[in-house]
Structures are given as C-alpha cells and as structure tokens.
Amino acid sequence: MGTALDIKIKRANKVYHAGVTICRLRTRSFQENESTEAWGPHRAFIRFGALGMPGACAEEVLSGVVVISSKDSVQHQGVSLTMEGTVNLQLSAKSVGVFEAFYNSVKPIQIINSTIEMVKPGKFPSGKTEIPFEFPLHLKGNKVLYETYHGVFVNIQYTLRCDMKRSLLAKDLTKTCEFIVHSAPQKGKFTPSPVDFTITPETLQNVKERALLPKFLLRGHLNSTNCVITQPLTGELVVESSEAAIRSVELQLVRVETCGCAEGYARDATEIQNIQIADGDVCRGLSVPIYMVFPRLFTCPTLETTNFKVEFEVNIVVLLHPDHLITENFPLKLCRI
C-alpha cells in the first residue's frame, strides 16, 4: 500500500450556507515529529470574531480533517489546502460560430479562492495522520456566494483541494472534494403568485395548420409560479373535453441558461426532468394533481448577473392521438427562504 491522501468534511451532507460576518484567522502549523493527539482542541484554524477576540462566528465554517495514510513514514515538502469557488461558462454547439470571441473574452469567474499551508516540509510517521482544518465562508467587499448549481452551460462549483508536495523521485499527491453552498435567504416577504390557465386550439401559438387540430378544452392552475426551492411545485389539471383520445400528460422542468460577453449573449433551454402525471385517455372532468419536487444541484434560486443568467420554466405537455403535441409554458421564479 502506497501513501493515500483524503479529505473528510465534518458535515455529512456537505451543505453550508452563505454568511456575512467577517472573521479573522490565525493558523497553527503541524510540527515535525509532533503527534496530532497533542493538539487537543486546537485546529489548523482558530476563529476570531469581528473585534478580533477569540470566539464563535455567526457565519458558516467549513471544517474537517485531512487524512494521510501510509504503511511507512513519508517524507514531504509541505501540505497545503485550497478552497475555491468558480463559475464555468460555455457555449452550446449552435452558438460557437456566432460568438467565436466568447472563448477568449470569458474565463471562469472566481468567486472565492483561499490557500493556506497546513504542514511545513518534514516527515509523517507510519500509520494514519489527521490534520484538522476550518475555513470561514466569507467574501471580501460586495462579492456574493452563488448557490451550487450543476447545469449544462453554467456550472457553479465549490471545492477543497489538498496538495502534498514530495521529492523529485516521488509523485505529488492531490485530493479534491466538493462541498455544497446554499445562497442566503431572499430579503423581504415571500409572496405566492397563483396562475389559472385554459388551453384550447385557439390559445396555442406556433401552429401551422390550426384547422387540422382536434377540439379540446383543458383547464387548471398552478398554486404559485414564485416557488420556494425546497417545496414542490403544485397545482391541478382538468380535461374538460377532447375529441381525440389522450395518450399522456407530462410535466417538463426546463433550465434556461444565458451566457454572454461584450460580443453578445447566447440563450439555451435544456430539460432537467420530465414527470408523467397521467397515462392514457384521462377521464373528462377529473382533477389530475400537479406535483413536482425541484432536484438538488440541478436547480438553484433564479440568478441574474452581468455575465450569465439561470432561469427556470415548466411545460405542461399533452400528447393526443395520433401524434399531436400540445405544450403550455410557464416561467418560474425560484427562491430560498
């Protein structure tokens, strides 16, 4: 067995919330031939309050241990830990030719970056060595911690990276671990925005041959298009009448990502998830419940910045025999409270 490097975050779900209180840091380095048991309650970081006095901070603190495991003693040239948050933007294939300058003008946007030396050059004993750490999640100035989001053309990610440098004859070791950031709750009172809708052949847009469509009447409502990200999207749909038999009724959640620079903006909509809420020819006059949970990581509070936007929509999709596809679109605004 060779030397293994690992990062263990104290919080099991790895979820942390953006804070605003500014803290000061003081470090204590691991000394050569020093047992970590002798550290007692000490950590690689000691938190200081806004007045510089030791104590607990009001903000979130990312904490855990770096674990070095080896059968034999390990010579090293130092161990460092880096906390990094970035926004990565890219264009879809259809937009590459339009905005060729995009790749040169838009680089990954750095949200947060902090590196500390955990251990100075020396030697680790055989067995397992654990080095505790703490990182306050705060930013300087007016910068904002965006919520973690894994999209197609916009990706917001926060990582911890531990690097152990070694001699020329031994390969350097690196371990990366992702942690999740939830944005600060919205300011002000949350106000639901219910929407009633009616779908008929006359209300449809982008129809080439409206006269060939079968007659139908669908009614329903969404309880709110202003949605709390931790609560489901709810409502109901009623098929009042339909000349053609219904094959399926589906809910489609869509992400709309906009990336841009001085040369222009590219807007792309892609599906996140599709849920079938009715199968077969639905009974007329029967209320079909609408219920959709927003998936973690693939959704975030609606976000609009100078260089990119992340928005969400929901489509109610009705399939009629033989091959008619009816879609009603509703923009959503997601928030965290």
Protein backbone atom coordinates (compact mmCIF):
# COMPACT_ATOMS: atom_id res chain seq x y z
CA MET A 1 0.00 0.00 0.00
CA GLY A 2 1.32 3.44 -1.01
CA THR A 3 0.60 6.79 0.56
CA ALA A 4 -3.05 7.86 0.47
CA LEU A 5 -4.40 11.40 0.85
CA ASP A 6 -8.04 12.09 1.74
CA ILE A 7 -10.30 14.99 2.81
CA LYS A 8 -13.13 14.33 5.25
CA ILE A 9 -15.64 17.13 5.73
CA LYS A 10 -17.20 17.22 9.19
CA ARG A 11 -20.76 17.83 7.99
CA ALA A 12 -22.17 14.62 6.45
CA ASN A 13 -24.36 16.32 3.83
CA LYS A 14 -21.56 18.76 2.91
CA VAL A 15 -24.09 21.63 2.76
CA TYR A 16 -23.08 25.09 4.01
CA HIS A 17 -24.90 28.42 3.94
CA ALA A 18 -23.51 31.72 2.76
CA GLY A 19 -22.65 34.03 5.70
CA VAL A 20 -21.92 37.74 6.03
CA THR A 21 -19.94 38.16 9.25
CA ILE A 22 -16.24 38.94 8.74
CA CYS A 23 -13.79 36.87 10.79
CA ARG A 24 -10.05 36.97 11.27
CA LEU A 25 -7.87 33.89 11.09
CA ARG A 26 -4.85 32.61 12.94
CA THR A 27 -3.07 29.42 11.94
CA ARG A 28 -1.13 26.82 13.84
CA SER A 29 1.14 24.60 11.77
CA PHE A 30 1.78 20.92 12.32
CA GLN A 31 5.34 20.46 13.54
CA GLU A 32 7.64 17.63 12.54
CA ASN A 33 7.57 14.62 14.92
CA GLU A 34 4.56 16.12 16.71
CA SER A 35 1.65 13.81 17.45
CA THR A 36 -1.77 15.13 16.42
CA GLU A 37 -3.10 13.81 19.73
CA ALA A 38 -1.14 16.55 21.45
CA TRP A 39 -3.14 19.17 19.59
CA GLY A 40 -6.12 18.61 21.89
CA PRO A 41 -8.91 21.02 20.96
CA HIS A 42 -6.68 23.05 18.64
CA ARG A 43 -7.36 23.24 14.92
CA ALA A 44 -5.37 24.36 11.90
CA PHE A 45 -7.55 27.49 12.13
CA ILE A 46 -8.73 29.39 15.20
CA ARG A 47 -11.78 31.56 14.58
CA PHE A 48 -11.83 35.19 15.69
CA GLY A 49 -14.85 37.44 15.96
CA ALA A 50 -15.36 40.81 14.33
CA LEU A 51 -13.46 42.55 17.13
CA GLY A 52 -10.50 40.19 16.89
CA MET A 53 -11.39 38.32 20.06
CA PRO A 54 -11.38 34.50 20.05
CA GLY A 55 -14.88 33.07 19.87
CA ALA A 56 -17.58 31.67 17.66
CA CYS A 57 -18.51 33.42 14.43
CA ALA A 58 -22.03 33.95 13.22
CA GLU A 59 -21.06 32.71 9.75
CA GLU A 60 -20.76 29.16 8.49
CA VAL A 61 -17.38 27.48 8.94
CA LEU A 62 -16.25 24.66 6.67
CA SER A 63 -14.39 22.17 8.87
CA GLY A 64 -12.97 18.68 8.67
CA VAL A 65 -9.69 16.76 8.59
CA VAL A 66 -7.04 15.91 6.02
CA VAL A 67 -6.02 12.25 6.41
CA ILE A 68 -2.59 10.94 5.37
CA SER A 69 -2.32 7.14 5.47
CA SER A 70 0.89 5.20 4.81
CA LYS A 71 2.47 1.92 5.80
CA ASP A 72 5.86 3.60 6.14
CA SER A 73 6.98 7.07 7.18
CA VAL A 74 6.51 9.69 4.45
CA GLN A 75 8.95 12.46 3.58
CA HIS A 76 7.22 15.53 2.12
CA GLN A 77 7.85 19.12 1.06
CA GLY A 78 4.73 20.59 2.66
CA VAL A 79 0.94 20.17 2.64
CA SER A 80 -1.39 22.96 1.50
CA LEU A 81 -5.18 23.27 1.39
CA THR A 82 -7.06 25.40 -1.15
CA MET A 83 -10.73 26.40 -1.02
CA GLU A 84 -12.02 27.51 -4.41
CA GLY A 85 -15.36 28.54 -5.88
CA THR A 86 -15.77 29.18 -9.60
CA VAL A 87 -18.43 29.79 -12.24
CA ASN A 88 -17.63 27.98 -15.51
CA LEU A 89 -19.42 29.20 -18.65
CA GLN A 90 -19.52 27.60 -22.07
CA LEU A 91 -21.48 27.94 -25.31
CA SER A 92 -23.66 25.37 -26.98
CA ALA A 93 -22.51 23.95 -30.31
CA LYS A 94 -25.07 26.04 -32.22
CA SER A 95 -23.63 29.29 -30.81
CA VAL A 96 -19.90 28.65 -31.26
CA GLY A 97 -19.76 30.12 -34.76
CA VAL A 98 -21.78 33.15 -33.72
CA PHE A 99 -19.65 34.12 -30.74
CA GLU A 100 -16.14 32.89 -31.55
CA ALA A 101 -14.67 35.65 -29.38
CA PHE A 102 -16.58 34.27 -26.38
CA TYR A 103 -13.90 31.71 -25.58
CA ASN A 104 -11.20 34.37 -25.43
CA SER A 105 -13.17 37.01 -23.54
CA VAL A 106 -14.92 34.94 -20.84
CA LYS A 107 -12.79 32.99 -18.43
CA PRO A 108 -14.03 31.06 -15.37
CA ILE A 109 -15.36 33.56 -12.85
CA GLN A 110 -13.64 33.18 -9.50
CA ILE A 111 -15.98 33.57 -6.53
CA ILE A 112 -13.64 32.63 -3.70
CA ASN A 113 -10.05 31.41 -3.51
CA SER A 114 -8.01 30.86 -0.37
CA THR A 115 -4.88 28.76 0.20
CA ILE A 116 -3.06 28.01 3.45
CA GLU A 117 -0.03 25.94 4.35
CA MET A 118 -1.22 23.24 6.72
CA VAL A 119 2.10 21.46 7.31
CA LYS A 120 5.64 22.64 6.68
CA PRO A 121 8.19 20.33 4.98
CA GLY A 122 9.04 17.34 7.12
CA LYS A 123 8.05 13.72 7.66
CA PHE A 124 4.82 11.95 8.57
CA PRO A 125 5.04 8.83 10.74
CA SER A 126 3.69 5.49 9.52
CA GLY A 127 0.00 4.81 10.01
CA LYS A 128 -2.74 7.44 9.85
CA THR A 129 -2.23 11.15 10.48
CA GLU A 130 -5.21 13.52 10.75
CA ILE A 131 -4.81 17.29 10.39
CA PRO A 132 -7.92 19.36 11.32
CA PHE A 133 -8.88 22.49 9.39
CA GLU A 134 -11.52 25.24 9.41
CA PHE A 135 -12.43 27.69 6.63
CA PRO A 136 -14.90 30.56 7.26
CA LEU A 137 -17.18 31.09 4.28
CA HIS A 138 -16.93 34.83 3.84
CA LEU A 139 -16.04 37.12 0.96
CA LYS A 140 -14.36 40.49 0.80
CA GLY A 141 -16.17 43.54 -0.49
CA ASN A 142 -19.51 43.17 -2.27
CA LYS A 143 -18.88 39.69 -3.71
CA VAL A 144 -21.65 37.11 -3.33
CA LEU A 145 -21.51 33.36 -2.77
CA TYR A 146 -23.75 31.98 -5.50
CA GLU A 147 -25.56 28.74 -4.80
CA THR A 148 -24.01 25.49 -6.04
CA TYR A 149 -25.51 24.66 -9.44
CA HIS A 150 -24.68 21.92 -11.95
CA GLY A 151 -26.04 23.00 -15.31
CA VAL A 152 -25.19 22.38 -18.96
CA PHE A 153 -23.72 25.75 -19.96
CA VAL A 154 -23.39 27.31 -16.49
CA ASN A 155 -21.68 25.44 -13.67
CA ILE A 156 -21.17 26.86 -10.15
CA GLN A 157 -18.93 24.66 -8.04
CA TYR A 158 -17.05 24.85 -4.73
CA THR A 159 -14.13 22.55 -3.98
CA LEU A 160 -11.44 21.82 -1.42
CA ARG A 161 -8.09 20.69 -2.83
CA CYS A 162 -5.28 19.29 -0.74
CA ASP A 163 -1.78 19.13 -2.25
CA MET A 164 1.15 17.26 -0.71
CA LYS A 165 4.44 18.07 -2.42
CA ARG A 166 7.09 15.39 -2.44
CA SER A 167 10.67 14.95 -3.67
CA LEU A 168 11.53 14.64 -7.36
CA LEU A 169 11.54 10.83 -7.20
CA ALA A 170 8.06 10.62 -5.70
CA LYS A 171 4.85 11.85 -7.31
CA ASP A 172 2.99 14.76 -5.69
CA LEU A 173 -0.37 13.79 -4.15
CA THR A 174 -3.60 15.71 -4.75
CA LYS A 175 -7.12 15.13 -3.42
CA THR A 176 -10.21 17.16 -4.35
CA CYS A 177 -13.54 17.22 -2.54
CA GLU A 178 -16.68 19.17 -3.46
CA PHE A 179 -18.88 20.89 -0.89
CA ILE A 180 -22.31 22.45 -1.42
CA VAL A 181 -23.20 26.10 -0.80
CA HIS A 182 -26.77 27.34 -0.32
CA SER A 183 -27.30 31.02 -1.00
CA ALA A 184 -28.61 33.42 1.60
CA PRO A 185 -32.41 33.54 2.02
CA GLN A 186 -34.18 36.21 0.00
CA LYS A 187 -34.89 39.51 1.71
CA GLY A 188 -38.47 40.51 2.20
CA LYS A 189 -41.67 38.53 2.48
CA PHE A 190 -42.34 35.63 0.11
CA THR A 191 -45.48 36.23 -1.97
CA PRO A 192 -47.11 33.33 -3.88
CA SER A 193 -48.31 34.06 -7.42
CA PRO A 194 -51.09 31.61 -8.43
CA VAL A 195 -51.82 31.17 -12.14
CA ASP A 196 -55.02 29.89 -13.76
CA PHE A 197 -54.79 28.62 -17.33
CA THR A 198 -57.04 27.44 -20.14
CA ILE A 199 -55.69 25.54 -23.16
CA THR A 200 -57.70 25.32 -26.39
CA PRO A 201 -56.70 25.19 -30.09
CA GLU A 202 -57.26 28.98 -30.20
CA THR A 203 -54.81 29.73 -27.36
CA LEU A 204 -51.93 27.78 -28.93
CA GLN A 205 -49.03 29.55 -30.65
CA ASN A 206 -46.70 28.33 -33.41
CA VAL A 207 -49.45 26.21 -35.01
CA LYS A 208 -49.08 25.63 -38.77
CA GLU A 209 -52.49 24.07 -39.56
CA ARG A 210 -54.87 25.02 -36.77
CA ALA A 211 -57.90 23.67 -38.66
CA LEU A 212 -56.50 20.12 -38.50
CA LEU A 213 -56.27 20.12 -34.69
CA PRO A 214 -58.97 18.19 -32.80
CA LYS A 215 -61.16 20.23 -30.49
CA PHE A 216 -60.17 20.17 -26.81
CA LEU A 217 -60.52 22.18 -23.62
CA LEU A 218 -58.06 21.91 -20.72
CA ARG A 219 -58.29 23.97 -17.55
CA GLY A 220 -56.12 24.11 -14.49
CA HIS A 221 -54.00 26.19 -12.16
CA LEU A 222 -50.56 26.35 -10.59
CA ASN A 223 -50.62 27.32 -6.92
CA SER A 224 -47.63 29.61 -7.48
CA THR A 225 -45.03 30.39 -10.14
CA ASN A 226 -42.95 32.03 -7.40
CA CYS A 227 -41.56 28.84 -5.91
CA VAL A 228 -39.56 28.04 -2.78
CA ILE A 229 -36.81 25.71 -3.98
CA THR A 230 -37.26 23.36 -1.01
CA GLN A 231 -41.02 23.00 -1.60
CA PRO A 232 -42.77 21.23 -4.50
CA LEU A 233 -44.49 22.87 -7.44
CA THR A 234 -48.20 22.05 -7.06
CA GLY A 235 -51.49 22.58 -8.88
CA GLU A 236 -54.06 20.66 -10.87
CA LEU A 237 -55.17 19.99 -14.43
CA VAL A 238 -58.69 19.10 -15.65
CA VAL A 239 -59.54 17.76 -19.12
CA GLU A 240 -62.97 19.26 -19.72
CA SER A 241 -63.32 17.85 -23.23
CA SER A 242 -61.29 16.39 -26.07
CA GLU A 243 -62.31 14.95 -29.44
CA ALA A 244 -59.09 12.94 -29.68
CA ALA A 245 -58.00 10.34 -27.14
CA ILE A 246 -55.24 11.46 -24.78
CA ARG A 247 -52.06 9.38 -24.73
CA SER A 248 -50.15 11.08 -21.92
CA VAL A 249 -49.84 14.22 -19.77
CA GLU A 250 -46.36 15.24 -18.63
CA LEU A 251 -44.61 17.92 -16.57
CA GLN A 252 -41.29 19.09 -18.01
CA LEU A 253 -38.88 21.19 -15.94
CA VAL A 254 -36.55 23.30 -18.10
CA ARG A 255 -33.43 25.31 -17.30
CA VAL A 256 -32.79 28.45 -19.36
CA GLU A 257 -29.13 29.43 -19.23
CA THR A 258 -27.83 32.66 -20.72
CA CYS A 259 -24.09 33.24 -21.17
CA GLY A 260 -22.65 36.39 -22.61
CA CYS A 261 -19.87 38.88 -23.11
CA ALA A 262 -19.34 42.16 -24.95
CA GLU A 263 -19.95 40.44 -28.32
CA GLY A 264 -23.43 39.20 -27.39
CA TYR A 265 -25.43 36.64 -25.44
CA ALA A 266 -26.35 33.02 -26.07
CA ARG A 267 -29.58 31.67 -24.53
CA ASP A 268 -30.17 27.92 -24.33
CA ALA A 269 -33.03 25.90 -22.84
CA THR A 270 -32.48 22.27 -21.82
CA GLU A 271 -34.60 19.73 -19.97
CA ILE A 272 -33.85 18.93 -16.33
CA GLN A 273 -36.51 16.33 -15.68
CA ASN A 274 -39.78 15.00 -17.13
CA ILE A 275 -42.57 13.55 -14.97
CA GLN A 276 -45.63 11.79 -16.35
CA ILE A 277 -48.70 12.81 -14.33
CA ALA A 278 -51.30 10.91 -16.39
CA ASP A 279 -51.15 7.88 -18.69
CA GLY A 280 -53.81 7.03 -21.23
CA ASP A 281 -57.12 8.71 -22.03
CA VAL A 282 -57.81 10.81 -18.93
CA CYS A 283 -61.40 10.84 -17.62
CA ARG A 284 -63.15 14.07 -18.53
CA GLY A 285 -63.76 16.40 -15.60
CA LEU A 286 -61.28 14.53 -13.37
CA SER A 287 -58.78 16.66 -11.45
CA VAL A 288 -55.20 15.49 -12.16
CA PRO A 289 -52.79 16.71 -9.44
CA ILE A 290 -49.62 18.54 -10.45
CA TYR A 291 -46.71 17.82 -8.10
CA MET A 292 -43.01 18.26 -8.86
CA VAL A 293 -40.04 18.35 -6.48
CA PHE A 294 -37.10 20.51 -7.57
CA PRO A 295 -33.95 18.34 -7.79
CA ARG A 296 -30.88 19.28 -5.76
CA LEU A 297 -27.82 20.68 -7.55
CA PHE A 298 -29.66 20.83 -10.92
CA THR A 299 -31.77 23.76 -9.72
CA CYS A 300 -30.90 26.91 -7.75
CA PRO A 301 -32.61 30.20 -6.90
CA THR A 302 -33.20 32.22 -10.08
CA LEU A 303 -29.95 34.05 -10.73
CA GLU A 304 -29.11 37.07 -12.87
CA THR A 305 -25.63 38.61 -13.08
CA THR A 306 -23.65 40.69 -15.57
CA ASN A 307 -22.17 37.67 -17.39
CA PHE A 308 -24.79 34.97 -17.01
CA LYS A 309 -28.37 34.16 -16.03
CA VAL A 310 -30.00 30.96 -14.74
CA GLU A 311 -33.79 30.81 -15.08
CA PHE A 312 -36.36 28.03 -14.96
CA GLU A 313 -39.62 27.16 -16.71
CA VAL A 314 -42.17 24.38 -16.52
CA ASN A 315 -44.02 22.94 -19.52
CA ILE A 316 -47.34 21.09 -19.33
CA VAL A 317 -47.18 18.65 -22.25
CA VAL A 318 -50.27 16.83 -23.53
CA LEU A 319 -49.97 14.10 -26.19
CA LEU A 320 -53.09 13.43 -28.28
CA HIS A 321 -53.77 10.58 -30.72
CA PRO A 322 -52.45 10.10 -33.28
CA ASP A 323 -49.42 12.40 -32.92
CA HIS A 324 -50.47 15.85 -31.72
CA LEU A 325 -48.19 17.51 -29.15
CA ILE A 326 -49.60 20.39 -27.06
CA THR A 327 -47.28 22.41 -24.82
CA GLU A 328 -48.09 25.23 -22.41
CA ASN A 329 -45.12 27.12 -20.95
CA PHE A 330 -44.90 28.85 -17.54
CA PRO A 331 -41.82 30.84 -16.41
CA LEU A 332 -40.87 30.12 -12.78
CA LYS A 333 -39.02 32.18 -10.23
CA LEU A 334 -37.20 30.05 -7.65
CA CYS A 335 -36.05 31.42 -4.32
CA ARG A 336 -34.78 30.23 -0.94
CA ILE A 337 -36.40 31.40 2.30
